[in-house]
N, C-alpha and C. Protein backbone atom coordinates (compact mmCIF):
# COMPACT_ATOMS: atom_id res chain seq x y z
N MET A 1 32.09 72.35 50.28
CA MET A 1 32.15 70.75 49.29
C MET A 1 32.53 71.67 47.87
N ARG A 2 33.44 70.68 47.21
CA ARG A 2 33.52 71.27 45.74
C ARG A 2 32.35 70.78 44.63
N LEU A 3 32.00 71.56 43.99
CA LEU A 3 30.69 71.15 43.13
C LEU A 3 30.81 71.29 41.53
N PHE A 4 30.26 70.70 40.88
CA PHE A 4 30.27 70.98 39.46
C PHE A 4 28.92 70.27 38.91
N ILE A 5 28.55 70.73 37.54
CA ILE A 5 27.52 70.03 36.87
C ILE A 5 27.94 69.31 35.65
N ALA A 6 27.40 68.17 35.46
CA ALA A 6 27.77 67.25 34.25
C ALA A 6 26.97 66.49 33.81
N VAL A 7 27.20 65.95 32.48
CA VAL A 7 26.77 64.93 31.49
C VAL A 7 27.28 63.82 32.06
N ASN A 8 26.89 62.80 32.69
CA ASN A 8 27.41 61.47 32.89
C ASN A 8 26.96 60.48 31.70
N PHE A 9 27.84 59.47 31.58
CA PHE A 9 27.48 58.73 30.33
C PHE A 9 27.26 57.02 30.67
N SER A 10 26.57 56.55 29.52
CA SER A 10 26.10 55.21 29.75
C SER A 10 27.16 54.48 29.30
N ARG A 11 27.08 53.21 29.51
CA ARG A 11 28.40 52.04 29.55
C ARG A 11 28.72 52.08 27.85
N PRO A 12 28.20 52.02 26.91
CA PRO A 12 28.82 52.11 25.71
C PRO A 12 29.63 53.50 25.39
N THR A 13 29.17 54.43 25.67
CA THR A 13 29.94 55.76 25.46
C THR A 13 31.13 55.52 26.45
N LEU A 14 30.95 55.32 27.59
CA LEU A 14 32.12 54.91 28.43
C LEU A 14 33.03 54.14 27.83
N ALA A 15 32.79 52.95 27.37
CA ALA A 15 33.68 52.12 26.57
C ALA A 15 34.27 52.62 25.32
N ALA A 16 33.69 53.32 24.50
CA ALA A 16 34.06 54.03 23.41
C ALA A 16 35.25 55.16 24.13
N LEU A 17 35.00 55.82 24.99
CA LEU A 17 36.04 57.01 25.56
C LEU A 17 37.14 56.06 26.18
N GLU A 18 36.91 54.86 26.90
CA GLU A 18 37.89 54.28 27.57
C GLU A 18 39.03 53.70 26.14
N ALA A 19 38.25 53.23 25.15
CA ALA A 19 39.31 53.01 23.86
C ALA A 19 40.13 53.92 23.53
N ALA A 20 39.53 55.08 23.49
CA ALA A 20 40.30 56.26 23.16
C ALA A 20 41.22 56.58 24.14
N ARG A 21 41.15 56.50 25.20
CA ARG A 21 42.10 56.81 26.48
C ARG A 21 43.12 55.72 26.34
N GLU A 22 43.07 54.55 26.22
CA GLU A 22 43.86 53.61 26.10
C GLU A 22 44.84 53.69 24.80
N ALA A 23 44.03 54.32 23.82
CA ALA A 23 44.85 54.33 22.46
C ALA A 23 46.07 55.46 22.67
N LEU A 24 45.39 56.83 23.44
CA LEU A 24 46.40 57.76 24.00
C LEU A 24 47.34 57.13 24.68
N ARG A 25 47.09 56.16 25.82
CA ARG A 25 48.04 55.65 26.68
C ARG A 25 49.10 55.00 25.82
N SER A 26 48.84 54.11 24.83
CA SER A 26 49.62 53.43 24.10
C SER A 26 50.56 54.49 23.28
N ALA A 27 50.03 55.76 22.53
CA ALA A 27 50.74 56.37 21.86
C ALA A 27 51.74 57.36 22.92
N ALA A 28 51.54 57.51 23.97
CA ALA A 28 52.29 57.93 24.99
C ALA A 28 53.31 57.24 25.88
N GLY A 29 53.13 56.03 25.39
CA GLY A 29 54.03 54.93 26.21
C GLY A 29 53.77 54.90 27.58
N GLY A 30 52.45 55.20 28.06
CA GLY A 30 52.12 54.89 29.47
C GLY A 30 52.33 56.15 30.14
N ARG A 31 53.12 57.26 29.81
CA ARG A 31 53.31 58.28 30.65
C ARG A 31 52.13 59.35 30.61
N GLY A 32 51.79 59.86 31.65
CA GLY A 32 50.74 60.97 31.92
C GLY A 32 49.91 60.25 33.12
N SER A 33 48.68 60.83 33.17
CA SER A 33 47.84 60.72 34.31
C SER A 33 46.50 60.63 33.50
N TYR A 34 46.25 59.38 33.79
CA TYR A 34 44.71 58.81 32.86
C TYR A 34 43.66 58.90 33.70
N THR A 35 42.36 59.63 33.05
CA THR A 35 41.16 59.59 33.88
C THR A 35 40.61 58.33 34.08
N PRO A 36 40.30 57.81 35.31
CA PRO A 36 39.59 56.54 35.49
C PRO A 36 38.11 56.54 34.78
N CYS A 37 37.76 55.58 34.41
CA CYS A 37 36.24 55.28 33.63
C CYS A 37 35.50 55.99 34.48
N ALA A 38 35.26 55.75 35.93
CA ALA A 38 34.40 56.26 36.76
C ALA A 38 34.46 57.69 36.80
N ASN A 39 35.44 58.43 36.37
CA ASN A 39 35.38 59.97 36.37
C ASN A 39 35.30 60.65 35.03
N LEU A 40 34.95 59.78 33.90
CA LEU A 40 34.69 60.53 32.60
C LEU A 40 33.46 61.05 32.65
N HIS A 41 33.41 62.38 32.36
CA HIS A 41 32.16 63.23 32.23
C HIS A 41 32.45 64.37 31.42
N LEU A 42 31.21 65.24 31.11
CA LEU A 42 31.45 66.42 30.39
C LEU A 42 30.98 67.32 31.35
N THR A 43 31.81 68.38 32.00
CA THR A 43 31.37 69.50 32.73
C THR A 43 30.65 70.45 32.05
N LEU A 44 29.34 70.77 32.55
CA LEU A 44 28.56 72.01 31.83
C LEU A 44 28.70 73.37 32.78
N ALA A 45 29.39 73.06 34.08
CA ALA A 45 29.59 74.42 34.91
C ALA A 45 30.38 73.80 36.11
N PHE A 46 31.11 74.71 36.37
CA PHE A 46 32.04 74.53 37.60
C PHE A 46 31.65 75.41 38.63
N LEU A 47 31.37 74.91 39.64
CA LEU A 47 30.61 75.97 40.83
C LEU A 47 31.82 76.02 41.79
N GLY A 48 33.07 75.32 42.01
CA GLY A 48 33.78 75.33 43.02
C GLY A 48 33.47 74.91 44.43
N GLU A 49 34.18 75.68 45.15
CA GLU A 49 33.90 75.28 46.67
C GLU A 49 32.45 76.01 47.04
N ALA A 50 31.56 75.01 47.55
CA ALA A 50 30.24 76.01 48.00
C ALA A 50 29.90 75.15 49.51
N ASP A 51 28.99 76.08 50.13
CA ASP A 51 28.63 75.38 51.62
C ASP A 51 27.44 74.45 51.05
N LYS A 52 27.32 73.39 51.87
CA LYS A 52 26.40 72.36 51.83
C LYS A 52 24.97 72.80 51.53
N SER A 53 24.67 74.20 52.10
CA SER A 53 23.34 74.63 52.05
C SER A 53 23.00 75.17 50.54
N ARG A 54 24.05 75.30 49.64
CA ARG A 54 23.79 75.76 48.37
C ARG A 54 23.64 74.60 47.37
N VAL A 55 23.53 73.28 47.96
CA VAL A 55 23.11 72.37 46.96
C VAL A 55 21.60 72.43 46.64
N LYS A 56 20.87 72.76 47.36
CA LYS A 56 19.32 73.02 46.84
C LYS A 56 19.32 74.11 45.89
N ASP A 57 20.13 74.94 46.14
CA ASP A 57 19.93 76.02 45.07
C ASP A 57 20.51 75.56 43.70
N ALA A 58 21.61 74.82 43.63
CA ALA A 58 21.98 74.33 42.61
C ALA A 58 21.02 73.23 41.91
N ALA A 59 20.59 72.45 42.65
CA ALA A 59 19.74 71.60 42.06
C ALA A 59 18.22 72.26 41.45
N GLU A 60 17.92 73.31 42.11
CA GLU A 60 16.93 74.15 41.44
C GLU A 60 17.27 74.70 40.24
N ALA A 61 18.52 75.08 40.23
CA ALA A 61 19.07 75.75 38.77
C ALA A 61 18.91 74.59 37.57
N LEU A 62 19.45 73.31 38.06
CA LEU A 62 19.50 72.46 37.01
C LEU A 62 17.79 71.97 36.63
N GLU A 63 17.09 72.04 37.51
CA GLU A 63 15.66 71.61 37.25
C GLU A 63 15.04 72.94 36.51
N ALA A 64 15.24 74.02 36.52
CA ALA A 64 14.86 75.26 35.72
C ALA A 64 15.69 75.35 34.40
N ALA A 65 16.65 74.66 34.22
CA ALA A 65 17.37 74.91 32.88
C ALA A 65 17.50 73.60 32.03
N ALA A 66 16.64 72.73 32.56
CA ALA A 66 16.44 71.39 31.79
C ALA A 66 15.64 71.49 30.56
N GLY A 67 16.31 70.98 29.43
CA GLY A 67 15.35 71.08 27.94
C GLY A 67 15.16 69.71 27.84
N ALA A 68 14.97 69.75 26.60
CA ALA A 68 14.80 68.43 25.79
C ALA A 68 16.23 67.47 25.80
N PRO A 69 15.87 66.13 25.64
CA PRO A 69 17.17 65.35 25.48
C PRO A 69 17.57 65.78 24.08
N PHE A 70 18.93 65.34 24.12
CA PHE A 70 19.95 65.66 22.98
C PHE A 70 20.84 64.68 22.65
N GLU A 71 21.14 64.60 21.40
CA GLU A 71 22.47 63.71 21.18
C GLU A 71 23.84 64.29 21.23
N LEU A 72 24.67 63.58 21.77
CA LEU A 72 26.12 64.10 21.72
C LEU A 72 27.12 63.18 20.79
N VAL A 73 27.98 63.52 20.12
CA VAL A 73 28.75 62.56 19.44
C VAL A 73 30.14 63.02 19.69
N PHE A 74 31.06 61.81 19.97
CA PHE A 74 32.46 61.91 20.24
C PHE A 74 33.11 61.56 19.27
N ASP A 75 33.92 62.14 18.33
CA ASP A 75 34.42 61.62 17.20
C ASP A 75 35.92 62.03 16.82
N ARG A 76 36.62 62.78 17.93
CA ARG A 76 37.79 63.34 17.87
C ARG A 76 38.40 63.76 19.23
N ALA A 77 39.96 63.79 19.07
CA ALA A 77 40.49 64.07 20.43
C ALA A 77 41.42 65.25 19.98
N GLY A 78 41.57 66.07 21.15
CA GLY A 78 42.28 67.27 21.10
C GLY A 78 43.28 67.42 22.23
N ARG A 79 43.75 68.40 22.32
CA ARG A 79 44.96 68.60 23.30
C ARG A 79 44.90 70.16 23.76
N PHE A 80 45.20 70.46 24.98
CA PHE A 80 45.42 71.91 25.45
C PHE A 80 46.91 71.69 26.05
N SER A 81 47.71 72.50 25.27
CA SER A 81 49.14 72.24 25.73
C SER A 81 49.50 73.39 26.74
N ARG A 82 50.37 72.79 27.84
CA ARG A 82 50.57 73.35 28.95
C ARG A 82 52.22 73.02 29.06
N GLY A 83 52.90 73.82 28.46
CA GLY A 83 54.38 73.80 28.22
C GLY A 83 54.75 72.69 27.60
N ARG A 84 55.45 71.62 28.15
CA ARG A 84 56.11 70.46 27.54
C ARG A 84 55.06 69.29 27.88
N GLU A 85 53.96 69.56 28.57
CA GLU A 85 52.96 68.57 28.90
C GLU A 85 51.65 69.08 28.05
N GLU A 86 50.84 68.15 27.90
CA GLU A 86 49.47 68.16 27.28
C GLU A 86 48.18 67.66 28.04
N LEU A 87 47.19 68.47 28.00
CA LEU A 87 45.80 67.58 28.56
C LEU A 87 45.02 67.19 27.32
N TRP A 88 44.87 66.07 27.33
CA TRP A 88 43.95 65.40 26.15
C TRP A 88 42.62 65.21 26.45
N TRP A 89 41.81 65.47 25.44
CA TRP A 89 40.48 65.44 25.39
C TRP A 89 39.50 64.78 24.43
N ALA A 90 38.41 64.38 24.49
CA ALA A 90 37.63 63.87 23.52
C ALA A 90 36.45 64.78 23.49
N GLY A 91 36.12 65.11 22.06
CA GLY A 91 35.08 65.92 21.74
C GLY A 91 34.34 65.72 20.69
N GLY A 92 33.53 66.58 20.11
CA GLY A 92 32.64 66.22 18.89
C GLY A 92 32.27 67.38 18.08
N PRO A 93 31.27 67.19 17.11
CA PRO A 93 31.04 68.54 16.51
C PRO A 93 30.22 69.49 17.16
N GLU A 94 30.31 70.70 16.86
CA GLU A 94 29.33 71.73 17.44
C GLU A 94 28.18 71.21 17.65
N ASN A 95 27.50 71.45 18.67
CA ASN A 95 26.37 71.04 19.22
C ASN A 95 25.28 72.17 19.84
N PRO A 96 24.38 72.80 19.02
CA PRO A 96 23.49 73.87 19.49
C PRO A 96 22.71 73.46 20.69
N ALA A 97 22.22 72.15 20.79
CA ALA A 97 21.39 71.82 21.88
C ALA A 97 22.16 71.58 23.25
N LEU A 98 23.39 71.27 23.22
CA LEU A 98 24.22 71.14 24.46
C LEU A 98 24.69 72.67 24.52
N ALA A 99 24.97 73.54 23.79
CA ALA A 99 25.32 74.87 23.93
C ALA A 99 24.14 75.68 24.83
N ALA A 100 22.93 75.40 24.19
CA ALA A 100 21.74 75.91 24.73
C ALA A 100 21.50 75.52 26.28
N VAL A 101 21.58 74.29 26.76
CA VAL A 101 21.35 73.77 27.98
C VAL A 101 22.33 74.43 28.76
N GLN A 102 23.86 74.45 28.67
CA GLN A 102 24.66 75.26 29.20
C GLN A 102 24.66 76.38 29.41
N LYS A 103 24.17 77.22 28.58
CA LYS A 103 23.78 78.79 28.66
C LYS A 103 22.59 78.73 29.60
N ARG A 104 21.68 78.04 29.42
CA ARG A 104 20.42 78.34 30.36
C ARG A 104 20.99 77.93 31.97
N LEU A 105 21.70 76.84 32.03
CA LEU A 105 22.24 76.41 33.26
C LEU A 105 22.84 77.60 33.79
N CYS A 106 24.11 78.21 33.13
CA CYS A 106 24.72 79.17 33.59
C CYS A 106 23.85 80.43 34.06
N ARG A 107 22.85 80.75 33.20
CA ARG A 107 21.76 82.00 33.73
C ARG A 107 21.38 81.43 34.89
N GLU A 108 20.67 80.36 35.19
CA GLU A 108 19.87 80.03 36.35
C GLU A 108 20.75 79.72 37.51
N LEU A 109 21.99 79.59 37.34
CA LEU A 109 23.04 79.59 38.35
C LEU A 109 23.44 80.84 39.11
N ALA A 110 23.71 81.76 38.01
CA ALA A 110 24.04 83.28 38.16
C ALA A 110 22.76 83.84 38.84
N ALA A 111 21.78 83.64 38.62
CA ALA A 111 20.50 84.02 39.19
C ALA A 111 20.61 83.93 40.64
N ARG A 112 20.92 82.57 41.11
CA ARG A 112 21.07 82.29 42.49
C ARG A 112 22.32 82.60 43.17
N GLY A 113 23.14 83.16 42.57
CA GLY A 113 24.17 84.02 43.28
C GLY A 113 25.50 83.08 43.19
N PHE A 114 25.44 82.29 42.13
CA PHE A 114 26.77 81.22 41.87
C PHE A 114 27.75 82.17 41.02
N GLU A 115 28.99 82.32 41.22
CA GLU A 115 29.97 82.79 40.57
C GLU A 115 30.52 81.83 39.70
N LEU A 116 30.42 81.84 38.45
CA LEU A 116 30.93 81.14 37.28
C LEU A 116 32.27 81.53 36.86
N GLU A 117 32.95 80.56 36.23
CA GLU A 117 34.05 81.09 35.46
C GLU A 117 33.54 81.66 34.26
N ALA A 118 34.62 82.66 33.77
CA ALA A 118 34.18 83.80 32.80
C ALA A 118 34.66 83.10 31.25
N ARG A 119 35.42 82.03 31.31
CA ARG A 119 35.87 81.51 30.22
C ARG A 119 34.99 80.75 29.26
N ARG A 120 35.21 80.86 27.90
CA ARG A 120 34.17 80.34 26.83
C ARG A 120 33.99 78.73 27.02
N PHE A 121 32.60 78.29 27.03
CA PHE A 121 32.43 77.09 27.25
C PHE A 121 33.23 76.24 25.97
N THR A 122 33.86 75.22 26.38
CA THR A 122 34.46 74.59 25.25
C THR A 122 34.20 73.06 25.75
N PRO A 123 33.21 72.29 25.08
CA PRO A 123 32.63 70.99 25.63
C PRO A 123 33.86 70.04 25.29
N HIS A 124 34.14 69.22 26.34
CA HIS A 124 35.06 68.15 26.18
C HIS A 124 35.15 67.25 27.35
N VAL A 125 35.60 65.97 27.26
CA VAL A 125 35.76 64.98 28.14
C VAL A 125 37.39 64.72 28.50
N THR A 126 37.91 65.08 29.59
CA THR A 126 39.26 64.92 29.88
C THR A 126 39.61 63.44 29.79
N LEU A 127 40.47 62.96 28.99
CA LEU A 127 41.02 61.63 28.85
C LEU A 127 42.33 61.44 29.91
N ALA A 128 43.01 62.64 29.54
CA ALA A 128 44.21 62.30 30.53
C ALA A 128 44.92 63.77 30.71
N ARG A 129 45.63 63.82 31.81
CA ARG A 129 46.60 65.12 32.08
C ARG A 129 48.17 64.72 32.06
N ARG A 130 48.75 65.70 31.88
CA ARG A 130 50.33 65.56 31.85
C ARG A 130 51.01 64.68 31.22
N VAL A 131 50.42 64.46 29.90
CA VAL A 131 51.06 63.67 29.08
C VAL A 131 52.25 64.55 28.16
N PRO A 132 53.31 63.90 28.13
CA PRO A 132 54.33 64.61 27.51
C PRO A 132 53.86 64.95 26.01
N ALA A 133 54.45 66.01 25.40
CA ALA A 133 53.99 66.63 24.10
C ALA A 133 54.12 65.22 23.11
N LEU A 134 53.47 64.93 22.37
CA LEU A 134 53.46 64.00 21.29
C LEU A 134 53.71 64.40 19.82
N GLY A 135 53.71 65.44 19.50
CA GLY A 135 54.03 65.80 18.18
C GLY A 135 52.67 65.65 17.48
N GLU A 136 52.63 64.83 16.45
CA GLU A 136 51.40 64.64 15.58
C GLU A 136 50.52 63.87 16.55
N ALA A 137 49.28 64.50 16.40
CA ALA A 137 48.02 63.78 17.06
C ALA A 137 47.88 62.21 16.76
N PRO A 138 47.74 61.25 17.50
CA PRO A 138 47.16 60.01 17.07
C PRO A 138 45.92 59.96 17.00
N ALA A 139 45.32 59.01 16.14
CA ALA A 139 43.76 59.05 15.81
C ALA A 139 43.33 58.17 17.00
N LEU A 140 42.44 58.51 17.79
CA LEU A 140 42.07 57.85 19.09
C LEU A 140 40.49 57.28 18.81
N PHE A 141 39.86 57.68 17.72
CA PHE A 141 38.48 57.26 17.35
C PHE A 141 38.46 56.29 16.09
N ALA A 142 38.05 54.84 16.42
CA ALA A 142 37.88 54.08 15.09
C ALA A 142 36.66 54.54 14.56
N SER A 143 35.52 54.85 15.22
CA SER A 143 34.33 55.18 14.89
C SER A 143 33.61 56.16 15.90
N PRO A 144 32.64 57.07 15.43
CA PRO A 144 32.16 58.02 16.38
C PRO A 144 31.26 57.44 17.53
N ALA A 145 31.23 57.78 18.50
CA ALA A 145 30.67 57.35 19.81
C ALA A 145 29.21 58.29 19.97
N ALA A 146 28.09 57.88 20.07
CA ALA A 146 26.98 58.46 20.24
C ALA A 146 26.36 58.49 21.56
N GLU A 147 25.97 59.56 22.30
CA GLU A 147 25.08 59.23 23.53
C GLU A 147 23.76 60.01 23.56
N ARG A 148 22.91 59.74 23.86
CA ARG A 148 21.47 60.40 23.96
C ARG A 148 21.67 60.95 25.32
N VAL A 149 21.58 62.23 25.66
CA VAL A 149 21.62 62.76 26.89
C VAL A 149 20.26 63.12 27.50
N GLU A 150 20.04 62.24 28.48
CA GLU A 150 18.60 62.48 29.12
C GLU A 150 18.62 63.01 30.45
N ALA A 151 19.60 63.46 30.90
CA ALA A 151 19.86 63.80 32.20
C ALA A 151 21.11 64.77 32.36
N ILE A 152 21.08 65.53 33.41
CA ILE A 152 22.10 66.24 33.89
C ILE A 152 22.13 66.09 35.35
N SER A 153 23.62 66.17 36.01
CA SER A 153 23.81 65.80 37.37
C SER A 153 24.57 66.80 38.24
N LEU A 154 24.23 67.10 39.28
CA LEU A 154 25.04 67.92 40.25
C LEU A 154 26.01 66.94 40.82
N MET A 155 27.15 67.19 40.87
CA MET A 155 28.24 66.24 41.28
C MET A 155 29.18 66.97 42.30
N ARG A 156 29.72 66.05 43.46
CA ARG A 156 30.49 66.47 44.45
C ARG A 156 31.87 65.87 43.86
N SER A 157 32.91 66.90 44.13
CA SER A 157 34.25 66.26 43.59
C SER A 157 35.09 66.33 45.07
N GLN A 158 35.68 65.03 45.38
CA GLN A 158 36.20 64.93 46.65
C GLN A 158 37.82 64.74 46.20
N LEU A 159 38.78 65.88 46.34
CA LEU A 159 40.06 65.70 45.76
C LEU A 159 40.96 65.03 46.70
N GLU A 160 40.57 64.82 48.04
CA GLU A 160 41.44 64.39 48.99
C GLU A 160 41.85 62.74 48.66
N PHE A 161 40.86 62.15 47.82
CA PHE A 161 41.11 60.82 47.42
C PHE A 161 41.89 60.71 46.04
N ARG A 162 42.80 59.67 45.84
CA ARG A 162 43.43 59.55 44.67
C ARG A 162 43.08 58.22 43.83
N PRO A 163 42.20 58.13 42.56
CA PRO A 163 41.83 59.54 42.03
C PRO A 163 40.80 60.27 42.79
N PRO A 164 40.55 61.36 42.44
CA PRO A 164 39.30 62.15 42.95
C PRO A 164 38.11 61.27 42.78
N ARG A 165 37.26 61.21 43.85
CA ARG A 165 35.86 60.75 44.18
C ARG A 165 34.72 61.65 43.61
N TYR A 166 34.13 61.29 42.53
CA TYR A 166 32.79 62.35 42.20
C TYR A 166 31.60 61.40 42.45
N THR A 167 30.76 62.07 43.23
CA THR A 167 29.48 61.65 43.69
C THR A 167 28.35 62.51 43.26
N GLU A 168 27.21 61.96 42.72
CA GLU A 168 26.32 62.51 42.16
C GLU A 168 25.55 62.81 43.47
N LEU A 169 24.83 64.02 43.52
CA LEU A 169 24.04 64.46 44.55
C LEU A 169 22.60 64.75 44.29
N HIS A 170 22.40 65.04 42.95
CA HIS A 170 21.24 65.49 42.11
C HIS A 170 21.26 65.31 40.85
N ARG A 171 20.28 64.65 40.34
CA ARG A 171 20.03 64.14 38.92
C ARG A 171 18.83 64.76 38.23
N THR A 172 18.68 65.42 37.24
CA THR A 172 17.69 66.41 36.52
C THR A 172 17.43 65.60 35.18
N LEU A 173 16.17 65.01 34.98
CA LEU A 173 15.69 64.32 33.75
C LEU A 173 15.55 65.68 32.66
N LEU A 174 15.79 65.42 31.41
CA LEU A 174 15.74 66.36 30.79
C LEU A 174 14.25 66.06 29.96
N ARG A 175 13.63 67.26 29.38
CA ARG A 175 12.28 67.03 29.24
C ARG A 175 12.02 67.89 27.92
N LYS A 176 11.09 67.68 27.07
CA LYS A 176 10.68 68.72 26.20
C LYS A 176 10.16 70.06 26.91
N ARG A 177 10.50 71.16 26.31
CA ARG A 177 10.11 72.74 27.03
C ARG A 177 8.93 72.83 26.05
């Protein structure tokens, strides 16, 4: 099964991310592949294909890495260029609490034998893929959206469905350390 660890969002944050996604869709004339509301999340670690027996190990890593709840703010959009197409994302200011949770999580996962991506953590929520290059970036957020993160989740990704189906397998509440 394909696994990742993520921050999932409250309804108000999802509404703000949806509004940003729809502003992008309008600016792009509807061209591109837009992330459904149910799939909007912030990935902390991608585990890739793992045997079902590894779910327990991943859940233990979440429990060991959990720190205090923290705030996330989304106030900007950006893009990763891929030739003539772009992947658009929502993000926010640097967040030391988020970075600390992600770093602890990766340390705990590695200690349990998970092989993680070597690339630098760039926290973002994917709004759309395969959007034709737009030139100047449109303003997607009328005002910042804030989320109090009180849990992190182990998720299963099923790519055989269109759109992909994400299922929460384990949820860890954040607590003061």
